[in-house]
PDB file of N, CA and C in Angstrom:
ATOM      1  N   MET A   1      -1.654 -34.154 -14.824  1.00  0.00           N
ATOM      2  CA  MET A   1      -0.807 -33.356 -15.626  1.00  0.00           C
ATOM      3  C   MET A   1      -1.569 -32.074 -16.152  1.00  0.00           C
ATOM      4  N   ARG A   2      -2.852 -32.217 -16.494  1.00  0.00           N
ATOM      5  CA  ARG A   2      -3.672 -31.115 -16.951  1.00  0.00           C
ATOM      6  C   ARG A   2      -3.790 -30.122 -15.820  1.00  0.00           C
ATOM      7  N   LEU A   3      -4.006 -30.623 -14.612  1.00  0.00           N
ATOM      8  CA  LEU A   3      -4.141 -29.728 -13.409  1.00  0.00           C
ATOM      9  C   LEU A   3      -2.917 -28.875 -13.147  1.00  0.00           C
ATOM     10  N   ILE A   4      -1.732 -29.483 -13.313  1.00  0.00           N
ATOM     11  CA  ILE A   4      -0.456 -28.760 -13.153  1.00  0.00           C
ATOM     12  C   ILE A   4      -0.320 -27.664 -14.182  1.00  0.00           C
ATOM     13  N   ALA A   5      -0.756 -27.955 -15.442  1.00  0.00           N
ATOM     14  CA  ALA A   5      -0.690 -26.957 -16.509  1.00  0.00           C
ATOM     15  C   ALA A   5      -1.615 -25.761 -16.207  1.00  0.00           C
ATOM     16  N   ILE A   6      -2.842 -26.070 -15.673  1.00  0.00           N
ATOM     17  CA  ILE A   6      -3.752 -25.016 -15.360  1.00  0.00           C
ATOM     18  C   ILE A   6      -3.239 -24.199 -14.144  1.00  0.00           C
ATOM     19  N   ALA A   7      -2.662 -24.845 -13.153  1.00  0.00           N
ATOM     20  CA  ALA A   7      -2.097 -24.129 -12.012  1.00  0.00           C
ATOM     21  C   ALA A   7      -0.923 -23.244 -12.498  1.00  0.00           C
ATOM     22  N   PHE A   8      -0.165 -23.697 -13.378  1.00  0.00           N
ATOM     23  CA  PHE A   8       0.979 -22.879 -13.934  1.00  0.00           C
ATOM     24  C   PHE A   8       0.463 -21.681 -14.668  1.00  0.00           C
ATOM     25  N   ALA A   9      -0.574 -21.875 -15.493  1.00  0.00           N
ATOM     26  CA  ALA A   9      -1.136 -20.776 -16.203  1.00  0.00           C
ATOM     27  C   ALA A   9      -1.769 -19.702 -15.298  1.00  0.00           C
ATOM     28  N   VAL A  10      -2.330 -20.100 -14.295  1.00  0.00           N
ATOM     29  CA  VAL A  10      -2.939 -19.177 -13.274  1.00  0.00           C
ATOM     30  C   VAL A  10      -1.815 -18.402 -12.599  1.00  0.00           C
ATOM     31  N   LEU A  11      -0.735 -19.019 -12.291  1.00  0.00           N
ATOM     32  CA  LEU A  11       0.430 -18.332 -11.663  1.00  0.00           C
ATOM     33  C   LEU A  11       1.045 -17.274 -12.609  1.00  0.00           C
ATOM     34  N   VAL A  12       1.191 -17.662 -13.836  1.00  0.00           N
ATOM     35  CA  VAL A  12       1.734 -16.771 -14.849  1.00  0.00           C
ATOM     36  C   VAL A  12       0.845 -15.512 -14.993  1.00  0.00           C
ATOM     37  N   VAL A  13      -0.411 -15.728 -14.979  1.00  0.00           N
ATOM     38  CA  VAL A  13      -1.355 -14.571 -15.170  1.00  0.00           C
ATOM     39  C   VAL A  13      -1.407 -13.706 -13.927  1.00  0.00           C
ATOM     40  N   PHE A  14      -1.494 -14.287 -12.686  1.00  0.00           N
ATOM     41  CA  PHE A  14      -1.688 -13.534 -11.519  1.00  0.00           C
ATOM     42  C   PHE A  14      -0.504 -13.104 -10.772  1.00  0.00           C
ATOM     43  N   LEU A  15       0.607 -13.695 -10.974  1.00  0.00           N
ATOM     44  CA  LEU A  15       1.843 -13.335 -10.238  1.00  0.00           C
ATOM     45  C   LEU A  15       2.252 -11.908 -10.416  1.00  0.00           C
ATOM     46  N   PRO A  16       2.202 -11.312 -11.668  1.00  0.00           N
ATOM     47  CA  PRO A  16       2.597  -9.923 -11.815  1.00  0.00           C
ATOM     48  C   PRO A  16       1.656  -9.004 -10.995  1.00  0.00           C
ATOM     49  N   SER A  17       0.345  -9.285 -10.888  1.00  0.00           N
ATOM     50  CA  SER A  17      -0.505  -8.484 -10.125  1.00  0.00           C
ATOM     51  C   SER A  17      -0.252  -8.566  -8.646  1.00  0.00           C
ATOM     52  N   VAL A  18       0.169  -9.703  -8.123  1.00  0.00           N
ATOM     53  CA  VAL A  18       0.546  -9.879  -6.778  1.00  0.00           C
ATOM     54  C   VAL A  18       1.772  -9.019  -6.461  1.00  0.00           C
ATOM     55  N   ALA A  19       2.660  -8.988  -7.315  1.00  0.00           N
ATOM     56  CA  ALA A  19       3.916  -8.168  -7.078  1.00  0.00           C
ATOM     57  C   ALA A  19       3.561  -6.649  -7.114  1.00  0.00           C
ATOM     58  N   ALA A  20       2.631  -6.270  -7.916  1.00  0.00           N
ATOM     59  CA  ALA A  20       2.210  -4.813  -7.992  1.00  0.00           C
ATOM     60  C   ALA A  20       1.567  -4.361  -6.726  1.00  0.00           C
ATOM     61  N   VAL A  21       0.847  -5.245  -5.993  1.00  0.00           N
ATOM     62  CA  VAL A  21       0.152  -4.916  -4.801  1.00  0.00           C
ATOM     63  C   VAL A  21       1.211  -4.588  -3.697  1.00  0.00           C
ATOM     64  N   ALA A  22       2.354  -5.265  -3.763  1.00  0.00           N
ATOM     65  CA  ALA A  22       3.389  -5.020  -2.720  1.00  0.00           C
ATOM     66  C   ALA A  22       4.433  -4.045  -3.184  1.00  0.00           C
ATOM     67  N   GLY A  23       4.092  -3.173  -4.215  1.00  0.00           N
ATOM     68  CA  GLY A  23       4.996  -2.249  -4.824  1.00  0.00           C
ATOM     69  C   GLY A  23       5.417  -1.137  -3.899  1.00  0.00           C
ATOM     70  N   ALA A  24       4.578  -0.522  -3.159  1.00  0.00           N
ATOM     71  CA  ALA A  24       4.901   0.607  -2.329  1.00  0.00           C
ATOM     72  C   ALA A  24       5.830   0.217  -1.159  1.00  0.00           C
ATOM     73  N   ALA A  25       6.915   0.971  -0.975  1.00  0.00           N
ATOM     74  CA  ALA A  25       7.756   0.744   0.176  1.00  0.00           C
ATOM     75  C   ALA A  25       7.035   1.008   1.467  1.00  0.00           C
ATOM     76  N   GLN A  26       7.084   0.149   2.437  1.00  0.00           N
ATOM     77  CA  GLN A  26       6.330   0.272   3.675  1.00  0.00           C
ATOM     78  C   GLN A  26       7.301   0.498   4.821  1.00  0.00           C
ATOM     79  N   PHE A  27       6.893   1.404   5.733  1.00  0.00           N
ATOM     80  CA  PHE A  27       7.761   1.767   6.877  1.00  0.00           C
ATOM     81  C   PHE A  27       7.017   1.769   8.148  1.00  0.00           C
ATOM     82  N   PRO A  28       7.694   1.292   9.256  1.00  0.00           N
ATOM     83  CA  PRO A  28       7.073   1.291  10.559  1.00  0.00           C
ATOM     84  C   PRO A  28       6.993   2.691  11.191  1.00  0.00           C
ATOM     85  N   THR A  29       7.858   3.601  10.774  1.00  0.00           N
ATOM     86  CA  THR A  29       7.869   4.912  11.368  1.00  0.00           C
ATOM     87  C   THR A  29       7.712   5.964  10.314  1.00  0.00           C
ATOM     88  N   GLU A  30       7.162   7.076  10.731  1.00  0.00           N
ATOM     89  CA  GLU A  30       6.989   8.243   9.812  1.00  0.00           C
ATOM     90  C   GLU A  30       8.335   8.793   9.352  1.00  0.00           C
ATOM     91  N   ALA A  31       9.308   8.830  10.258  1.00  0.00           N
ATOM     92  CA  ALA A  31      10.603   9.335   9.937  1.00  0.00           C
ATOM     93  C   ALA A  31      11.310   8.530   8.833  1.00  0.00           C
ATOM     94  N   ALA A  32      11.174   7.186   8.899  1.00  0.00           N
ATOM     95  CA  ALA A  32      11.763   6.338   7.872  1.00  0.00           C
ATOM     96  C   ALA A  32      11.076   6.591   6.521  1.00  0.00           C
ATOM     97  N   ALA A  33       9.795   6.763   6.511  1.00  0.00           N
ATOM     98  CA  ALA A  33       9.125   7.091   5.249  1.00  0.00           C
ATOM     99  C   ALA A  33       9.543   8.427   4.732  1.00  0.00           C
ATOM    100  N   LYS A  34       9.728   9.430   5.553  1.00  0.00           N
ATOM    101  CA  LYS A  34      10.087  10.748   5.093  1.00  0.00           C
ATOM    102  C   LYS A  34      11.529  10.685   4.480  1.00  0.00           C
ATOM    103  N   THR A  35      12.360   9.869   5.023  1.00  0.00           N
ATOM    104  CA  THR A  35      13.742   9.655   4.492  1.00  0.00           C
ATOM    105  C   THR A  35      13.691   9.044   3.035  1.00  0.00           C
ATOM    106  N   HIS A  36      12.752   8.140   2.920  1.00  0.00           N
ATOM    107  CA  HIS A  36      12.605   7.465   1.580  1.00  0.00           C
ATOM    108  C   HIS A  36      12.057   8.351   0.539  1.00  0.00           C
ATOM    109  N   CYS A  37      11.118   9.262   0.926  1.00  0.00           N
ATOM    110  CA  CYS A  37      10.431  10.077  -0.041  1.00  0.00           C
ATOM    111  C   CYS A  37      10.390  11.528   0.436  1.00  0.00           C
ATOM    112  N   PRO A  38      11.519  12.244   0.545  1.00  0.00           N
ATOM    113  CA  PRO A  38      11.568  13.587   1.171  1.00  0.00           C
ATOM    114  C   PRO A  38      10.723  14.656   0.480  1.00  0.00           C
ATOM    115  N   LYS A  39      10.454  14.434  -0.874  1.00  0.00           N
ATOM    116  CA  LYS A  39       9.672  15.397  -1.641  1.00  0.00           C
ATOM    117  C   LYS A  39       8.229  15.026  -1.835  1.00  0.00           C
ATOM    118  N   ASP A  40       7.770  13.941  -1.184  1.00  0.00           N
ATOM    119  CA  ASP A  40       6.436  13.450  -1.338  1.00  0.00           C
ATOM    120  C   ASP A  40       5.756  13.539   0.027  1.00  0.00           C
ATOM    121  N   THR A  41       4.468  13.452   0.066  1.00  0.00           N
ATOM    122  CA  THR A  41       3.681  13.447   1.283  1.00  0.00           C
ATOM    123  C   THR A  41       3.672  11.972   1.851  1.00  0.00           C
ATOM    124  N   VAL A  42       3.933  11.866   3.144  1.00  0.00           N
ATOM    125  CA  VAL A  42       3.871  10.610   3.795  1.00  0.00           C
ATOM    126  C   VAL A  42       2.448  10.411   4.361  1.00  0.00           C
ATOM    127  N   VAL A  43       1.899   9.292   4.060  1.00  0.00           N
ATOM    128  CA  VAL A  43       0.496   8.931   4.506  1.00  0.00           C
ATOM    129  C   VAL A  43       0.492   7.666   5.301  1.00  0.00           C
ATOM    130  N   TRP A  44      -0.526   7.469   6.068  1.00  0.00           N
ATOM    131  CA  TRP A  44      -0.724   6.160   6.794  1.00  0.00           C
ATOM    132  C   TRP A  44      -1.643   5.305   5.944  1.00  0.00           C
ATOM    133  N   LEU A  45      -1.226   4.113   5.565  1.00  0.00           N
ATOM    134  CA  LEU A  45      -1.941   3.285   4.762  1.00  0.00           C
ATOM    135  C   LEU A  45      -2.562   2.112   5.566  1.00  0.00           C
ATOM    136  N   ASN A  46      -3.843   2.028   5.577  1.00  0.00           N
ATOM    137  CA  ASN A  46      -4.542   0.876   6.192  1.00  0.00           C
ATOM    138  C   ASN A  46      -4.502  -0.265   5.135  1.00  0.00           C
ATOM    139  N   ILE A  47      -3.655  -1.291   5.435  1.00  0.00           N
ATOM    140  CA  ILE A  47      -3.327  -2.294   4.383  1.00  0.00           C
ATOM    141  C   ILE A  47      -4.598  -3.015   3.985  1.00  0.00           C
ATOM    142  N   PRO A  48      -5.442  -3.533   4.892  1.00  0.00           N
ATOM    143  CA  PRO A  48      -6.546  -4.345   4.442  1.00  0.00           C
ATOM    144  C   PRO A  48      -7.541  -3.589   3.493  1.00  0.00           C
ATOM    145  N   SER A  49      -7.748  -2.338   3.795  1.00  0.00           N
ATOM    146  CA  SER A  49      -8.746  -1.564   2.957  1.00  0.00           C
ATOM    147  C   SER A  49      -8.097  -0.882   1.787  1.00  0.00           C
ATOM    148  N   GLY A  50      -6.798  -0.639   1.809  1.00  0.00           N
ATOM    149  CA  GLY A  50      -6.114   0.158   0.764  1.00  0.00           C
ATOM    150  C   GLY A  50      -6.477   1.649   0.860  1.00  0.00           C
ATOM    151  N   VAL A  51      -6.955   2.124   2.021  1.00  0.00           N
ATOM    152  CA  VAL A  51      -7.262   3.545   2.220  1.00  0.00           C
ATOM    153  C   VAL A  51      -6.217   4.158   3.044  1.00  0.00           C
ATOM    154  N   TYR A  52      -5.770   5.404   2.638  1.00  0.00           N
ATOM    155  CA  TYR A  52      -4.735   6.067   3.397  1.00  0.00           C
ATOM    156  C   TYR A  52      -5.220   7.390   4.033  1.00  0.00           C
ATOM    157  N   HIS A  53      -4.548   7.749   5.086  1.00  0.00           N
ATOM    158  CA  HIS A  53      -4.883   8.934   5.874  1.00  0.00           C
ATOM    159  C   HIS A  53      -3.725   9.900   5.955  1.00  0.00           C
ATOM    160  N   PHE A  54      -4.058  11.183   5.975  1.00  0.00           N
ATOM    161  CA  PHE A  54      -3.035  12.198   6.008  1.00  0.00           C
ATOM    162  C   PHE A  54      -2.732  12.604   7.543  1.00  0.00           C
ATOM    163  N   ALA A  55      -1.597  13.146   7.771  1.00  0.00           N
ATOM    164  CA  ALA A  55      -1.233  13.652   9.089  1.00  0.00           C
ATOM    165  C   ALA A  55      -2.280  14.625   9.584  1.00  0.00           C
ATOM    166  N   GLY A  56      -2.613  14.453  10.822  1.00  0.00           N
ATOM    167  CA  GLY A  56      -3.709  15.319  11.402  1.00  0.00           C
ATOM    168  C   GLY A  56      -5.124  14.694  11.362  1.00  0.00           C
ATOM    169  N   GLN A  57      -5.290  13.666  10.524  1.00  0.00           N
ATOM    170  CA  GLN A  57      -6.544  13.022  10.495  1.00  0.00           C
ATOM    171  C   GLN A  57      -6.667  11.934  11.547  1.00  0.00           C
ATOM    172  N   ARG A  58      -7.857  11.602  11.901  1.00  0.00           N
ATOM    173  CA  ARG A  58      -8.183  10.751  13.078  1.00  0.00           C
ATOM    174  C   ARG A  58      -7.443   9.443  13.115  1.00  0.00           C
ATOM    175  N   TRP A  59      -7.303   8.796  11.962  1.00  0.00           N
ATOM    176  CA  TRP A  59      -6.731   7.393  11.953  1.00  0.00           C
ATOM    177  C   TRP A  59      -5.291   7.413  11.553  1.00  0.00           C
ATOM    178  N   TYR A  60      -4.648   8.586  11.317  1.00  0.00           N
ATOM    179  CA  TYR A  60      -3.251   8.616  10.953  1.00  0.00           C
ATOM    180  C   TYR A  60      -2.425   7.980  11.959  1.00  0.00           C
ATOM    181  N   GLY A  61      -1.721   6.897  11.669  1.00  0.00           N
ATOM    182  CA  GLY A  61      -0.836   6.126  12.481  1.00  0.00           C
ATOM    183  C   GLY A  61      -1.561   5.297  13.543  1.00  0.00           C
ATOM    184  N   LYS A  62      -2.828   5.081  13.405  1.00  0.00           N
ATOM    185  CA  LYS A  62      -3.584   4.393  14.411  1.00  0.00           C
ATOM    186  C   LYS A  62      -4.356   3.197  14.106  1.00  0.00           C
ATOM    187  N   THR A  63      -4.444   2.829  12.825  1.00  0.00           N
ATOM    188  CA  THR A  63      -5.143   1.578  12.482  1.00  0.00           C
ATOM    189  C   THR A  63      -4.307   0.337  12.876  1.00  0.00           C
ATOM    190  N   LYS A  64      -4.971  -0.714  13.049  1.00  0.00           N
ATOM    191  CA  LYS A  64      -4.270  -1.982  13.562  1.00  0.00           C
ATOM    192  C   LYS A  64      -3.244  -2.500  12.509  1.00  0.00           C
ATOM    193  N   ASP A  65      -3.667  -2.564  11.296  1.00  0.00           N
ATOM    194  CA  ASP A  65      -2.799  -3.162  10.206  1.00  0.00           C
ATOM    195  C   ASP A  65      -2.447  -2.097   9.233  1.00  0.00           C
ATOM    196  N   GLY A  66      -1.517  -1.113   9.673  1.00  0.00           N
ATOM    197  CA  GLY A  66      -1.186  -0.088   8.744  1.00  0.00           C
ATOM    198  C   GLY A  66       0.308   0.284   8.763  1.00  0.00           C
ATOM    199  N   VAL A  67       0.694   0.991   7.784  1.00  0.00           N
ATOM    200  CA  VAL A  67       2.168   1.343   7.647  1.00  0.00           C
ATOM    201  C   VAL A  67       2.246   2.766   7.072  1.00  0.00           C
ATOM    202  N   TYR A  68       3.384   3.367   7.214  1.00  0.00           N
ATOM    203  CA  TYR A  68       3.654   4.668   6.549  1.00  0.00           C
ATOM    204  C   TYR A  68       4.167   4.374   5.183  1.00  0.00           C
ATOM    205  N   VAL A  69       3.632   5.162   4.217  1.00  0.00           N
ATOM    206  CA  VAL A  69       4.075   4.997   2.742  1.00  0.00           C
ATOM    207  C   VAL A  69       4.115   6.361   2.161  1.00  0.00           C
ATOM    208  N   CYS A  70       4.685   6.463   0.953  1.00  0.00           N
ATOM    209  CA  CYS A  70       4.752   7.661   0.217  1.00  0.00           C
ATOM    210  C   CYS A  70       3.398   7.736  -0.574  1.00  0.00           C
ATOM    211  N   LYS A  71       2.771   8.903  -0.609  1.00  0.00           N
ATOM    212  CA  LYS A  71       1.496   9.071  -1.311  1.00  0.00           C
ATOM    213  C   LYS A  71       1.575   8.599  -2.809  1.00  0.00           C
ATOM    214  N   ALA A  72       2.600   9.109  -3.446  1.00  0.00           N
ATOM    215  CA  ALA A  72       2.686   8.788  -4.894  1.00  0.00           C
ATOM    216  C   ALA A  72       2.774   7.266  -5.077  1.00  0.00           C
ATOM    217  N   GLU A  73       3.504   6.529  -4.254  1.00  0.00           N
ATOM    218  CA  GLU A  73       3.643   5.081  -4.430  1.00  0.00           C
ATOM    219  C   GLU A  73       2.250   4.399  -4.094  1.00  0.00           C
ATOM    220  N   ALA A  74       1.580   4.926  -3.055  1.00  0.00           N
ATOM    221  CA  ALA A  74       0.244   4.348  -2.735  1.00  0.00           C
ATOM    222  C   ALA A  74      -0.727   4.573  -3.870  1.00  0.00           C
ATOM    223  N   ASP A  75      -0.720   5.768  -4.466  1.00  0.00           N
ATOM    224  CA  ASP A  75      -1.571   6.017  -5.522  1.00  0.00           C
ATOM    225  C   ASP A  75      -1.268   5.132  -6.764  1.00  0.00           C
ATOM    226  N   ALA A  76       0.006   4.926  -6.979  1.00  0.00           N
ATOM    227  CA  ALA A  76       0.454   4.057  -8.124  1.00  0.00           C
ATOM    228  C   ALA A  76      -0.041   2.572  -7.878  1.00  0.00           C
ATOM    229  N   ASP A  77      -0.128   2.193  -6.653  1.00  0.00           N
ATOM    230  CA  ASP A  77      -0.589   0.803  -6.297  1.00  0.00           C
ATOM    231  C   ASP A  77      -2.124   0.686  -6.309  1.00  0.00           C
ATOM    232  N   GLY A  78      -2.835   1.815  -6.519  1.00  0.00           N
ATOM    233  CA  GLY A  78      -4.254   1.734  -6.546  1.00  0.00           C
ATOM    234  C   GLY A  78      -4.938   2.034  -5.245  1.00  0.00           C
ATOM    235  N   ASP A  79      -4.170   2.493  -4.209  1.00  0.00           N
ATOM    236  CA  ASP A  79      -4.732   2.860  -2.887  1.00  0.00           C
ATOM    237  C   ASP A  79      -5.389   4.193  -3.100  1.00  0.00           C
ATOM    238  N   ARG A  80      -6.214   4.613  -2.145  1.00  0.00           N
ATOM    239  CA  ARG A  80      -6.950   5.883  -2.236  1.00  0.00           C
ATOM    240  C   ARG A  80      -7.006   6.634  -0.885  1.00  0.00           C
ATOM    241  N   ALA A  81      -7.277   7.892  -0.867  1.00  0.00           N
ATOM    242  CA  ALA A  81      -7.403   8.656   0.312  1.00  0.00           C
ATOM    243  C   ALA A  81      -8.825   8.373   0.945  1.00  0.00           C
ATOM    244  N   THR A  82      -8.878   8.582   2.188  1.00  0.00           N
ATOM    245  CA  THR A  82     -10.088   8.398   2.889  1.00  0.00           C
ATOM    246  C   THR A  82     -11.111   9.426   2.293  1.00  0.00           C
ATOM    247  N   ARG A  83     -12.415   8.958   2.216  1.00  0.00           N
ATOM    248  CA  ARG A  83     -13.372   9.890   1.674  1.00  0.00           C
ATOM    249  C   ARG A  83     -14.064  10.701   2.714  1.00  0.00           C
ATOM    250  N   ASN A  84     -13.962  10.311   4.022  1.00  0.00           N
ATOM    251  CA  ASN A  84     -14.752  11.046   5.016  1.00  0.00           C
ATOM    252  C   ASN A  84     -13.787  11.976   5.833  1.00  0.00           C
ATOM    253  N   GLY A  85     -12.540  12.168   5.425  1.00  0.00           N
ATOM    254  CA  GLY A  85     -11.621  13.067   6.113  1.00  0.00           C
ATOM    255  C   GLY A  85     -11.202  12.636   7.468  1.00  0.00           C
ATOM    256  N   GLN A  86     -11.350  11.368   7.778  1.00  0.00           N
ATOM    257  CA  GLN A  86     -10.828  10.912   9.078  1.00  0.00           C
ATOM    258  C   GLN A  86      -9.563  10.145   8.857  1.00  0.00           C
TER     259      GLN A  86
END
């Protein structure tokens, strides 16, 4: 019984942060992302690293586990731009 109470407490504490990670709308195509956020910059987000790339950069649209997202939504989720300009 105590183990169930502990598990429940952990879920209550961590569930909101799990939802926040999945907050940015993710799109398989650049066009779909542009439709969702026409006034924002569309970036390519590498999901495992949380690093995004801008159009024209080396890894834009090319990483294995990535999606197109709106920059403002990615920033709100704690993702960041690449630091080496690739």
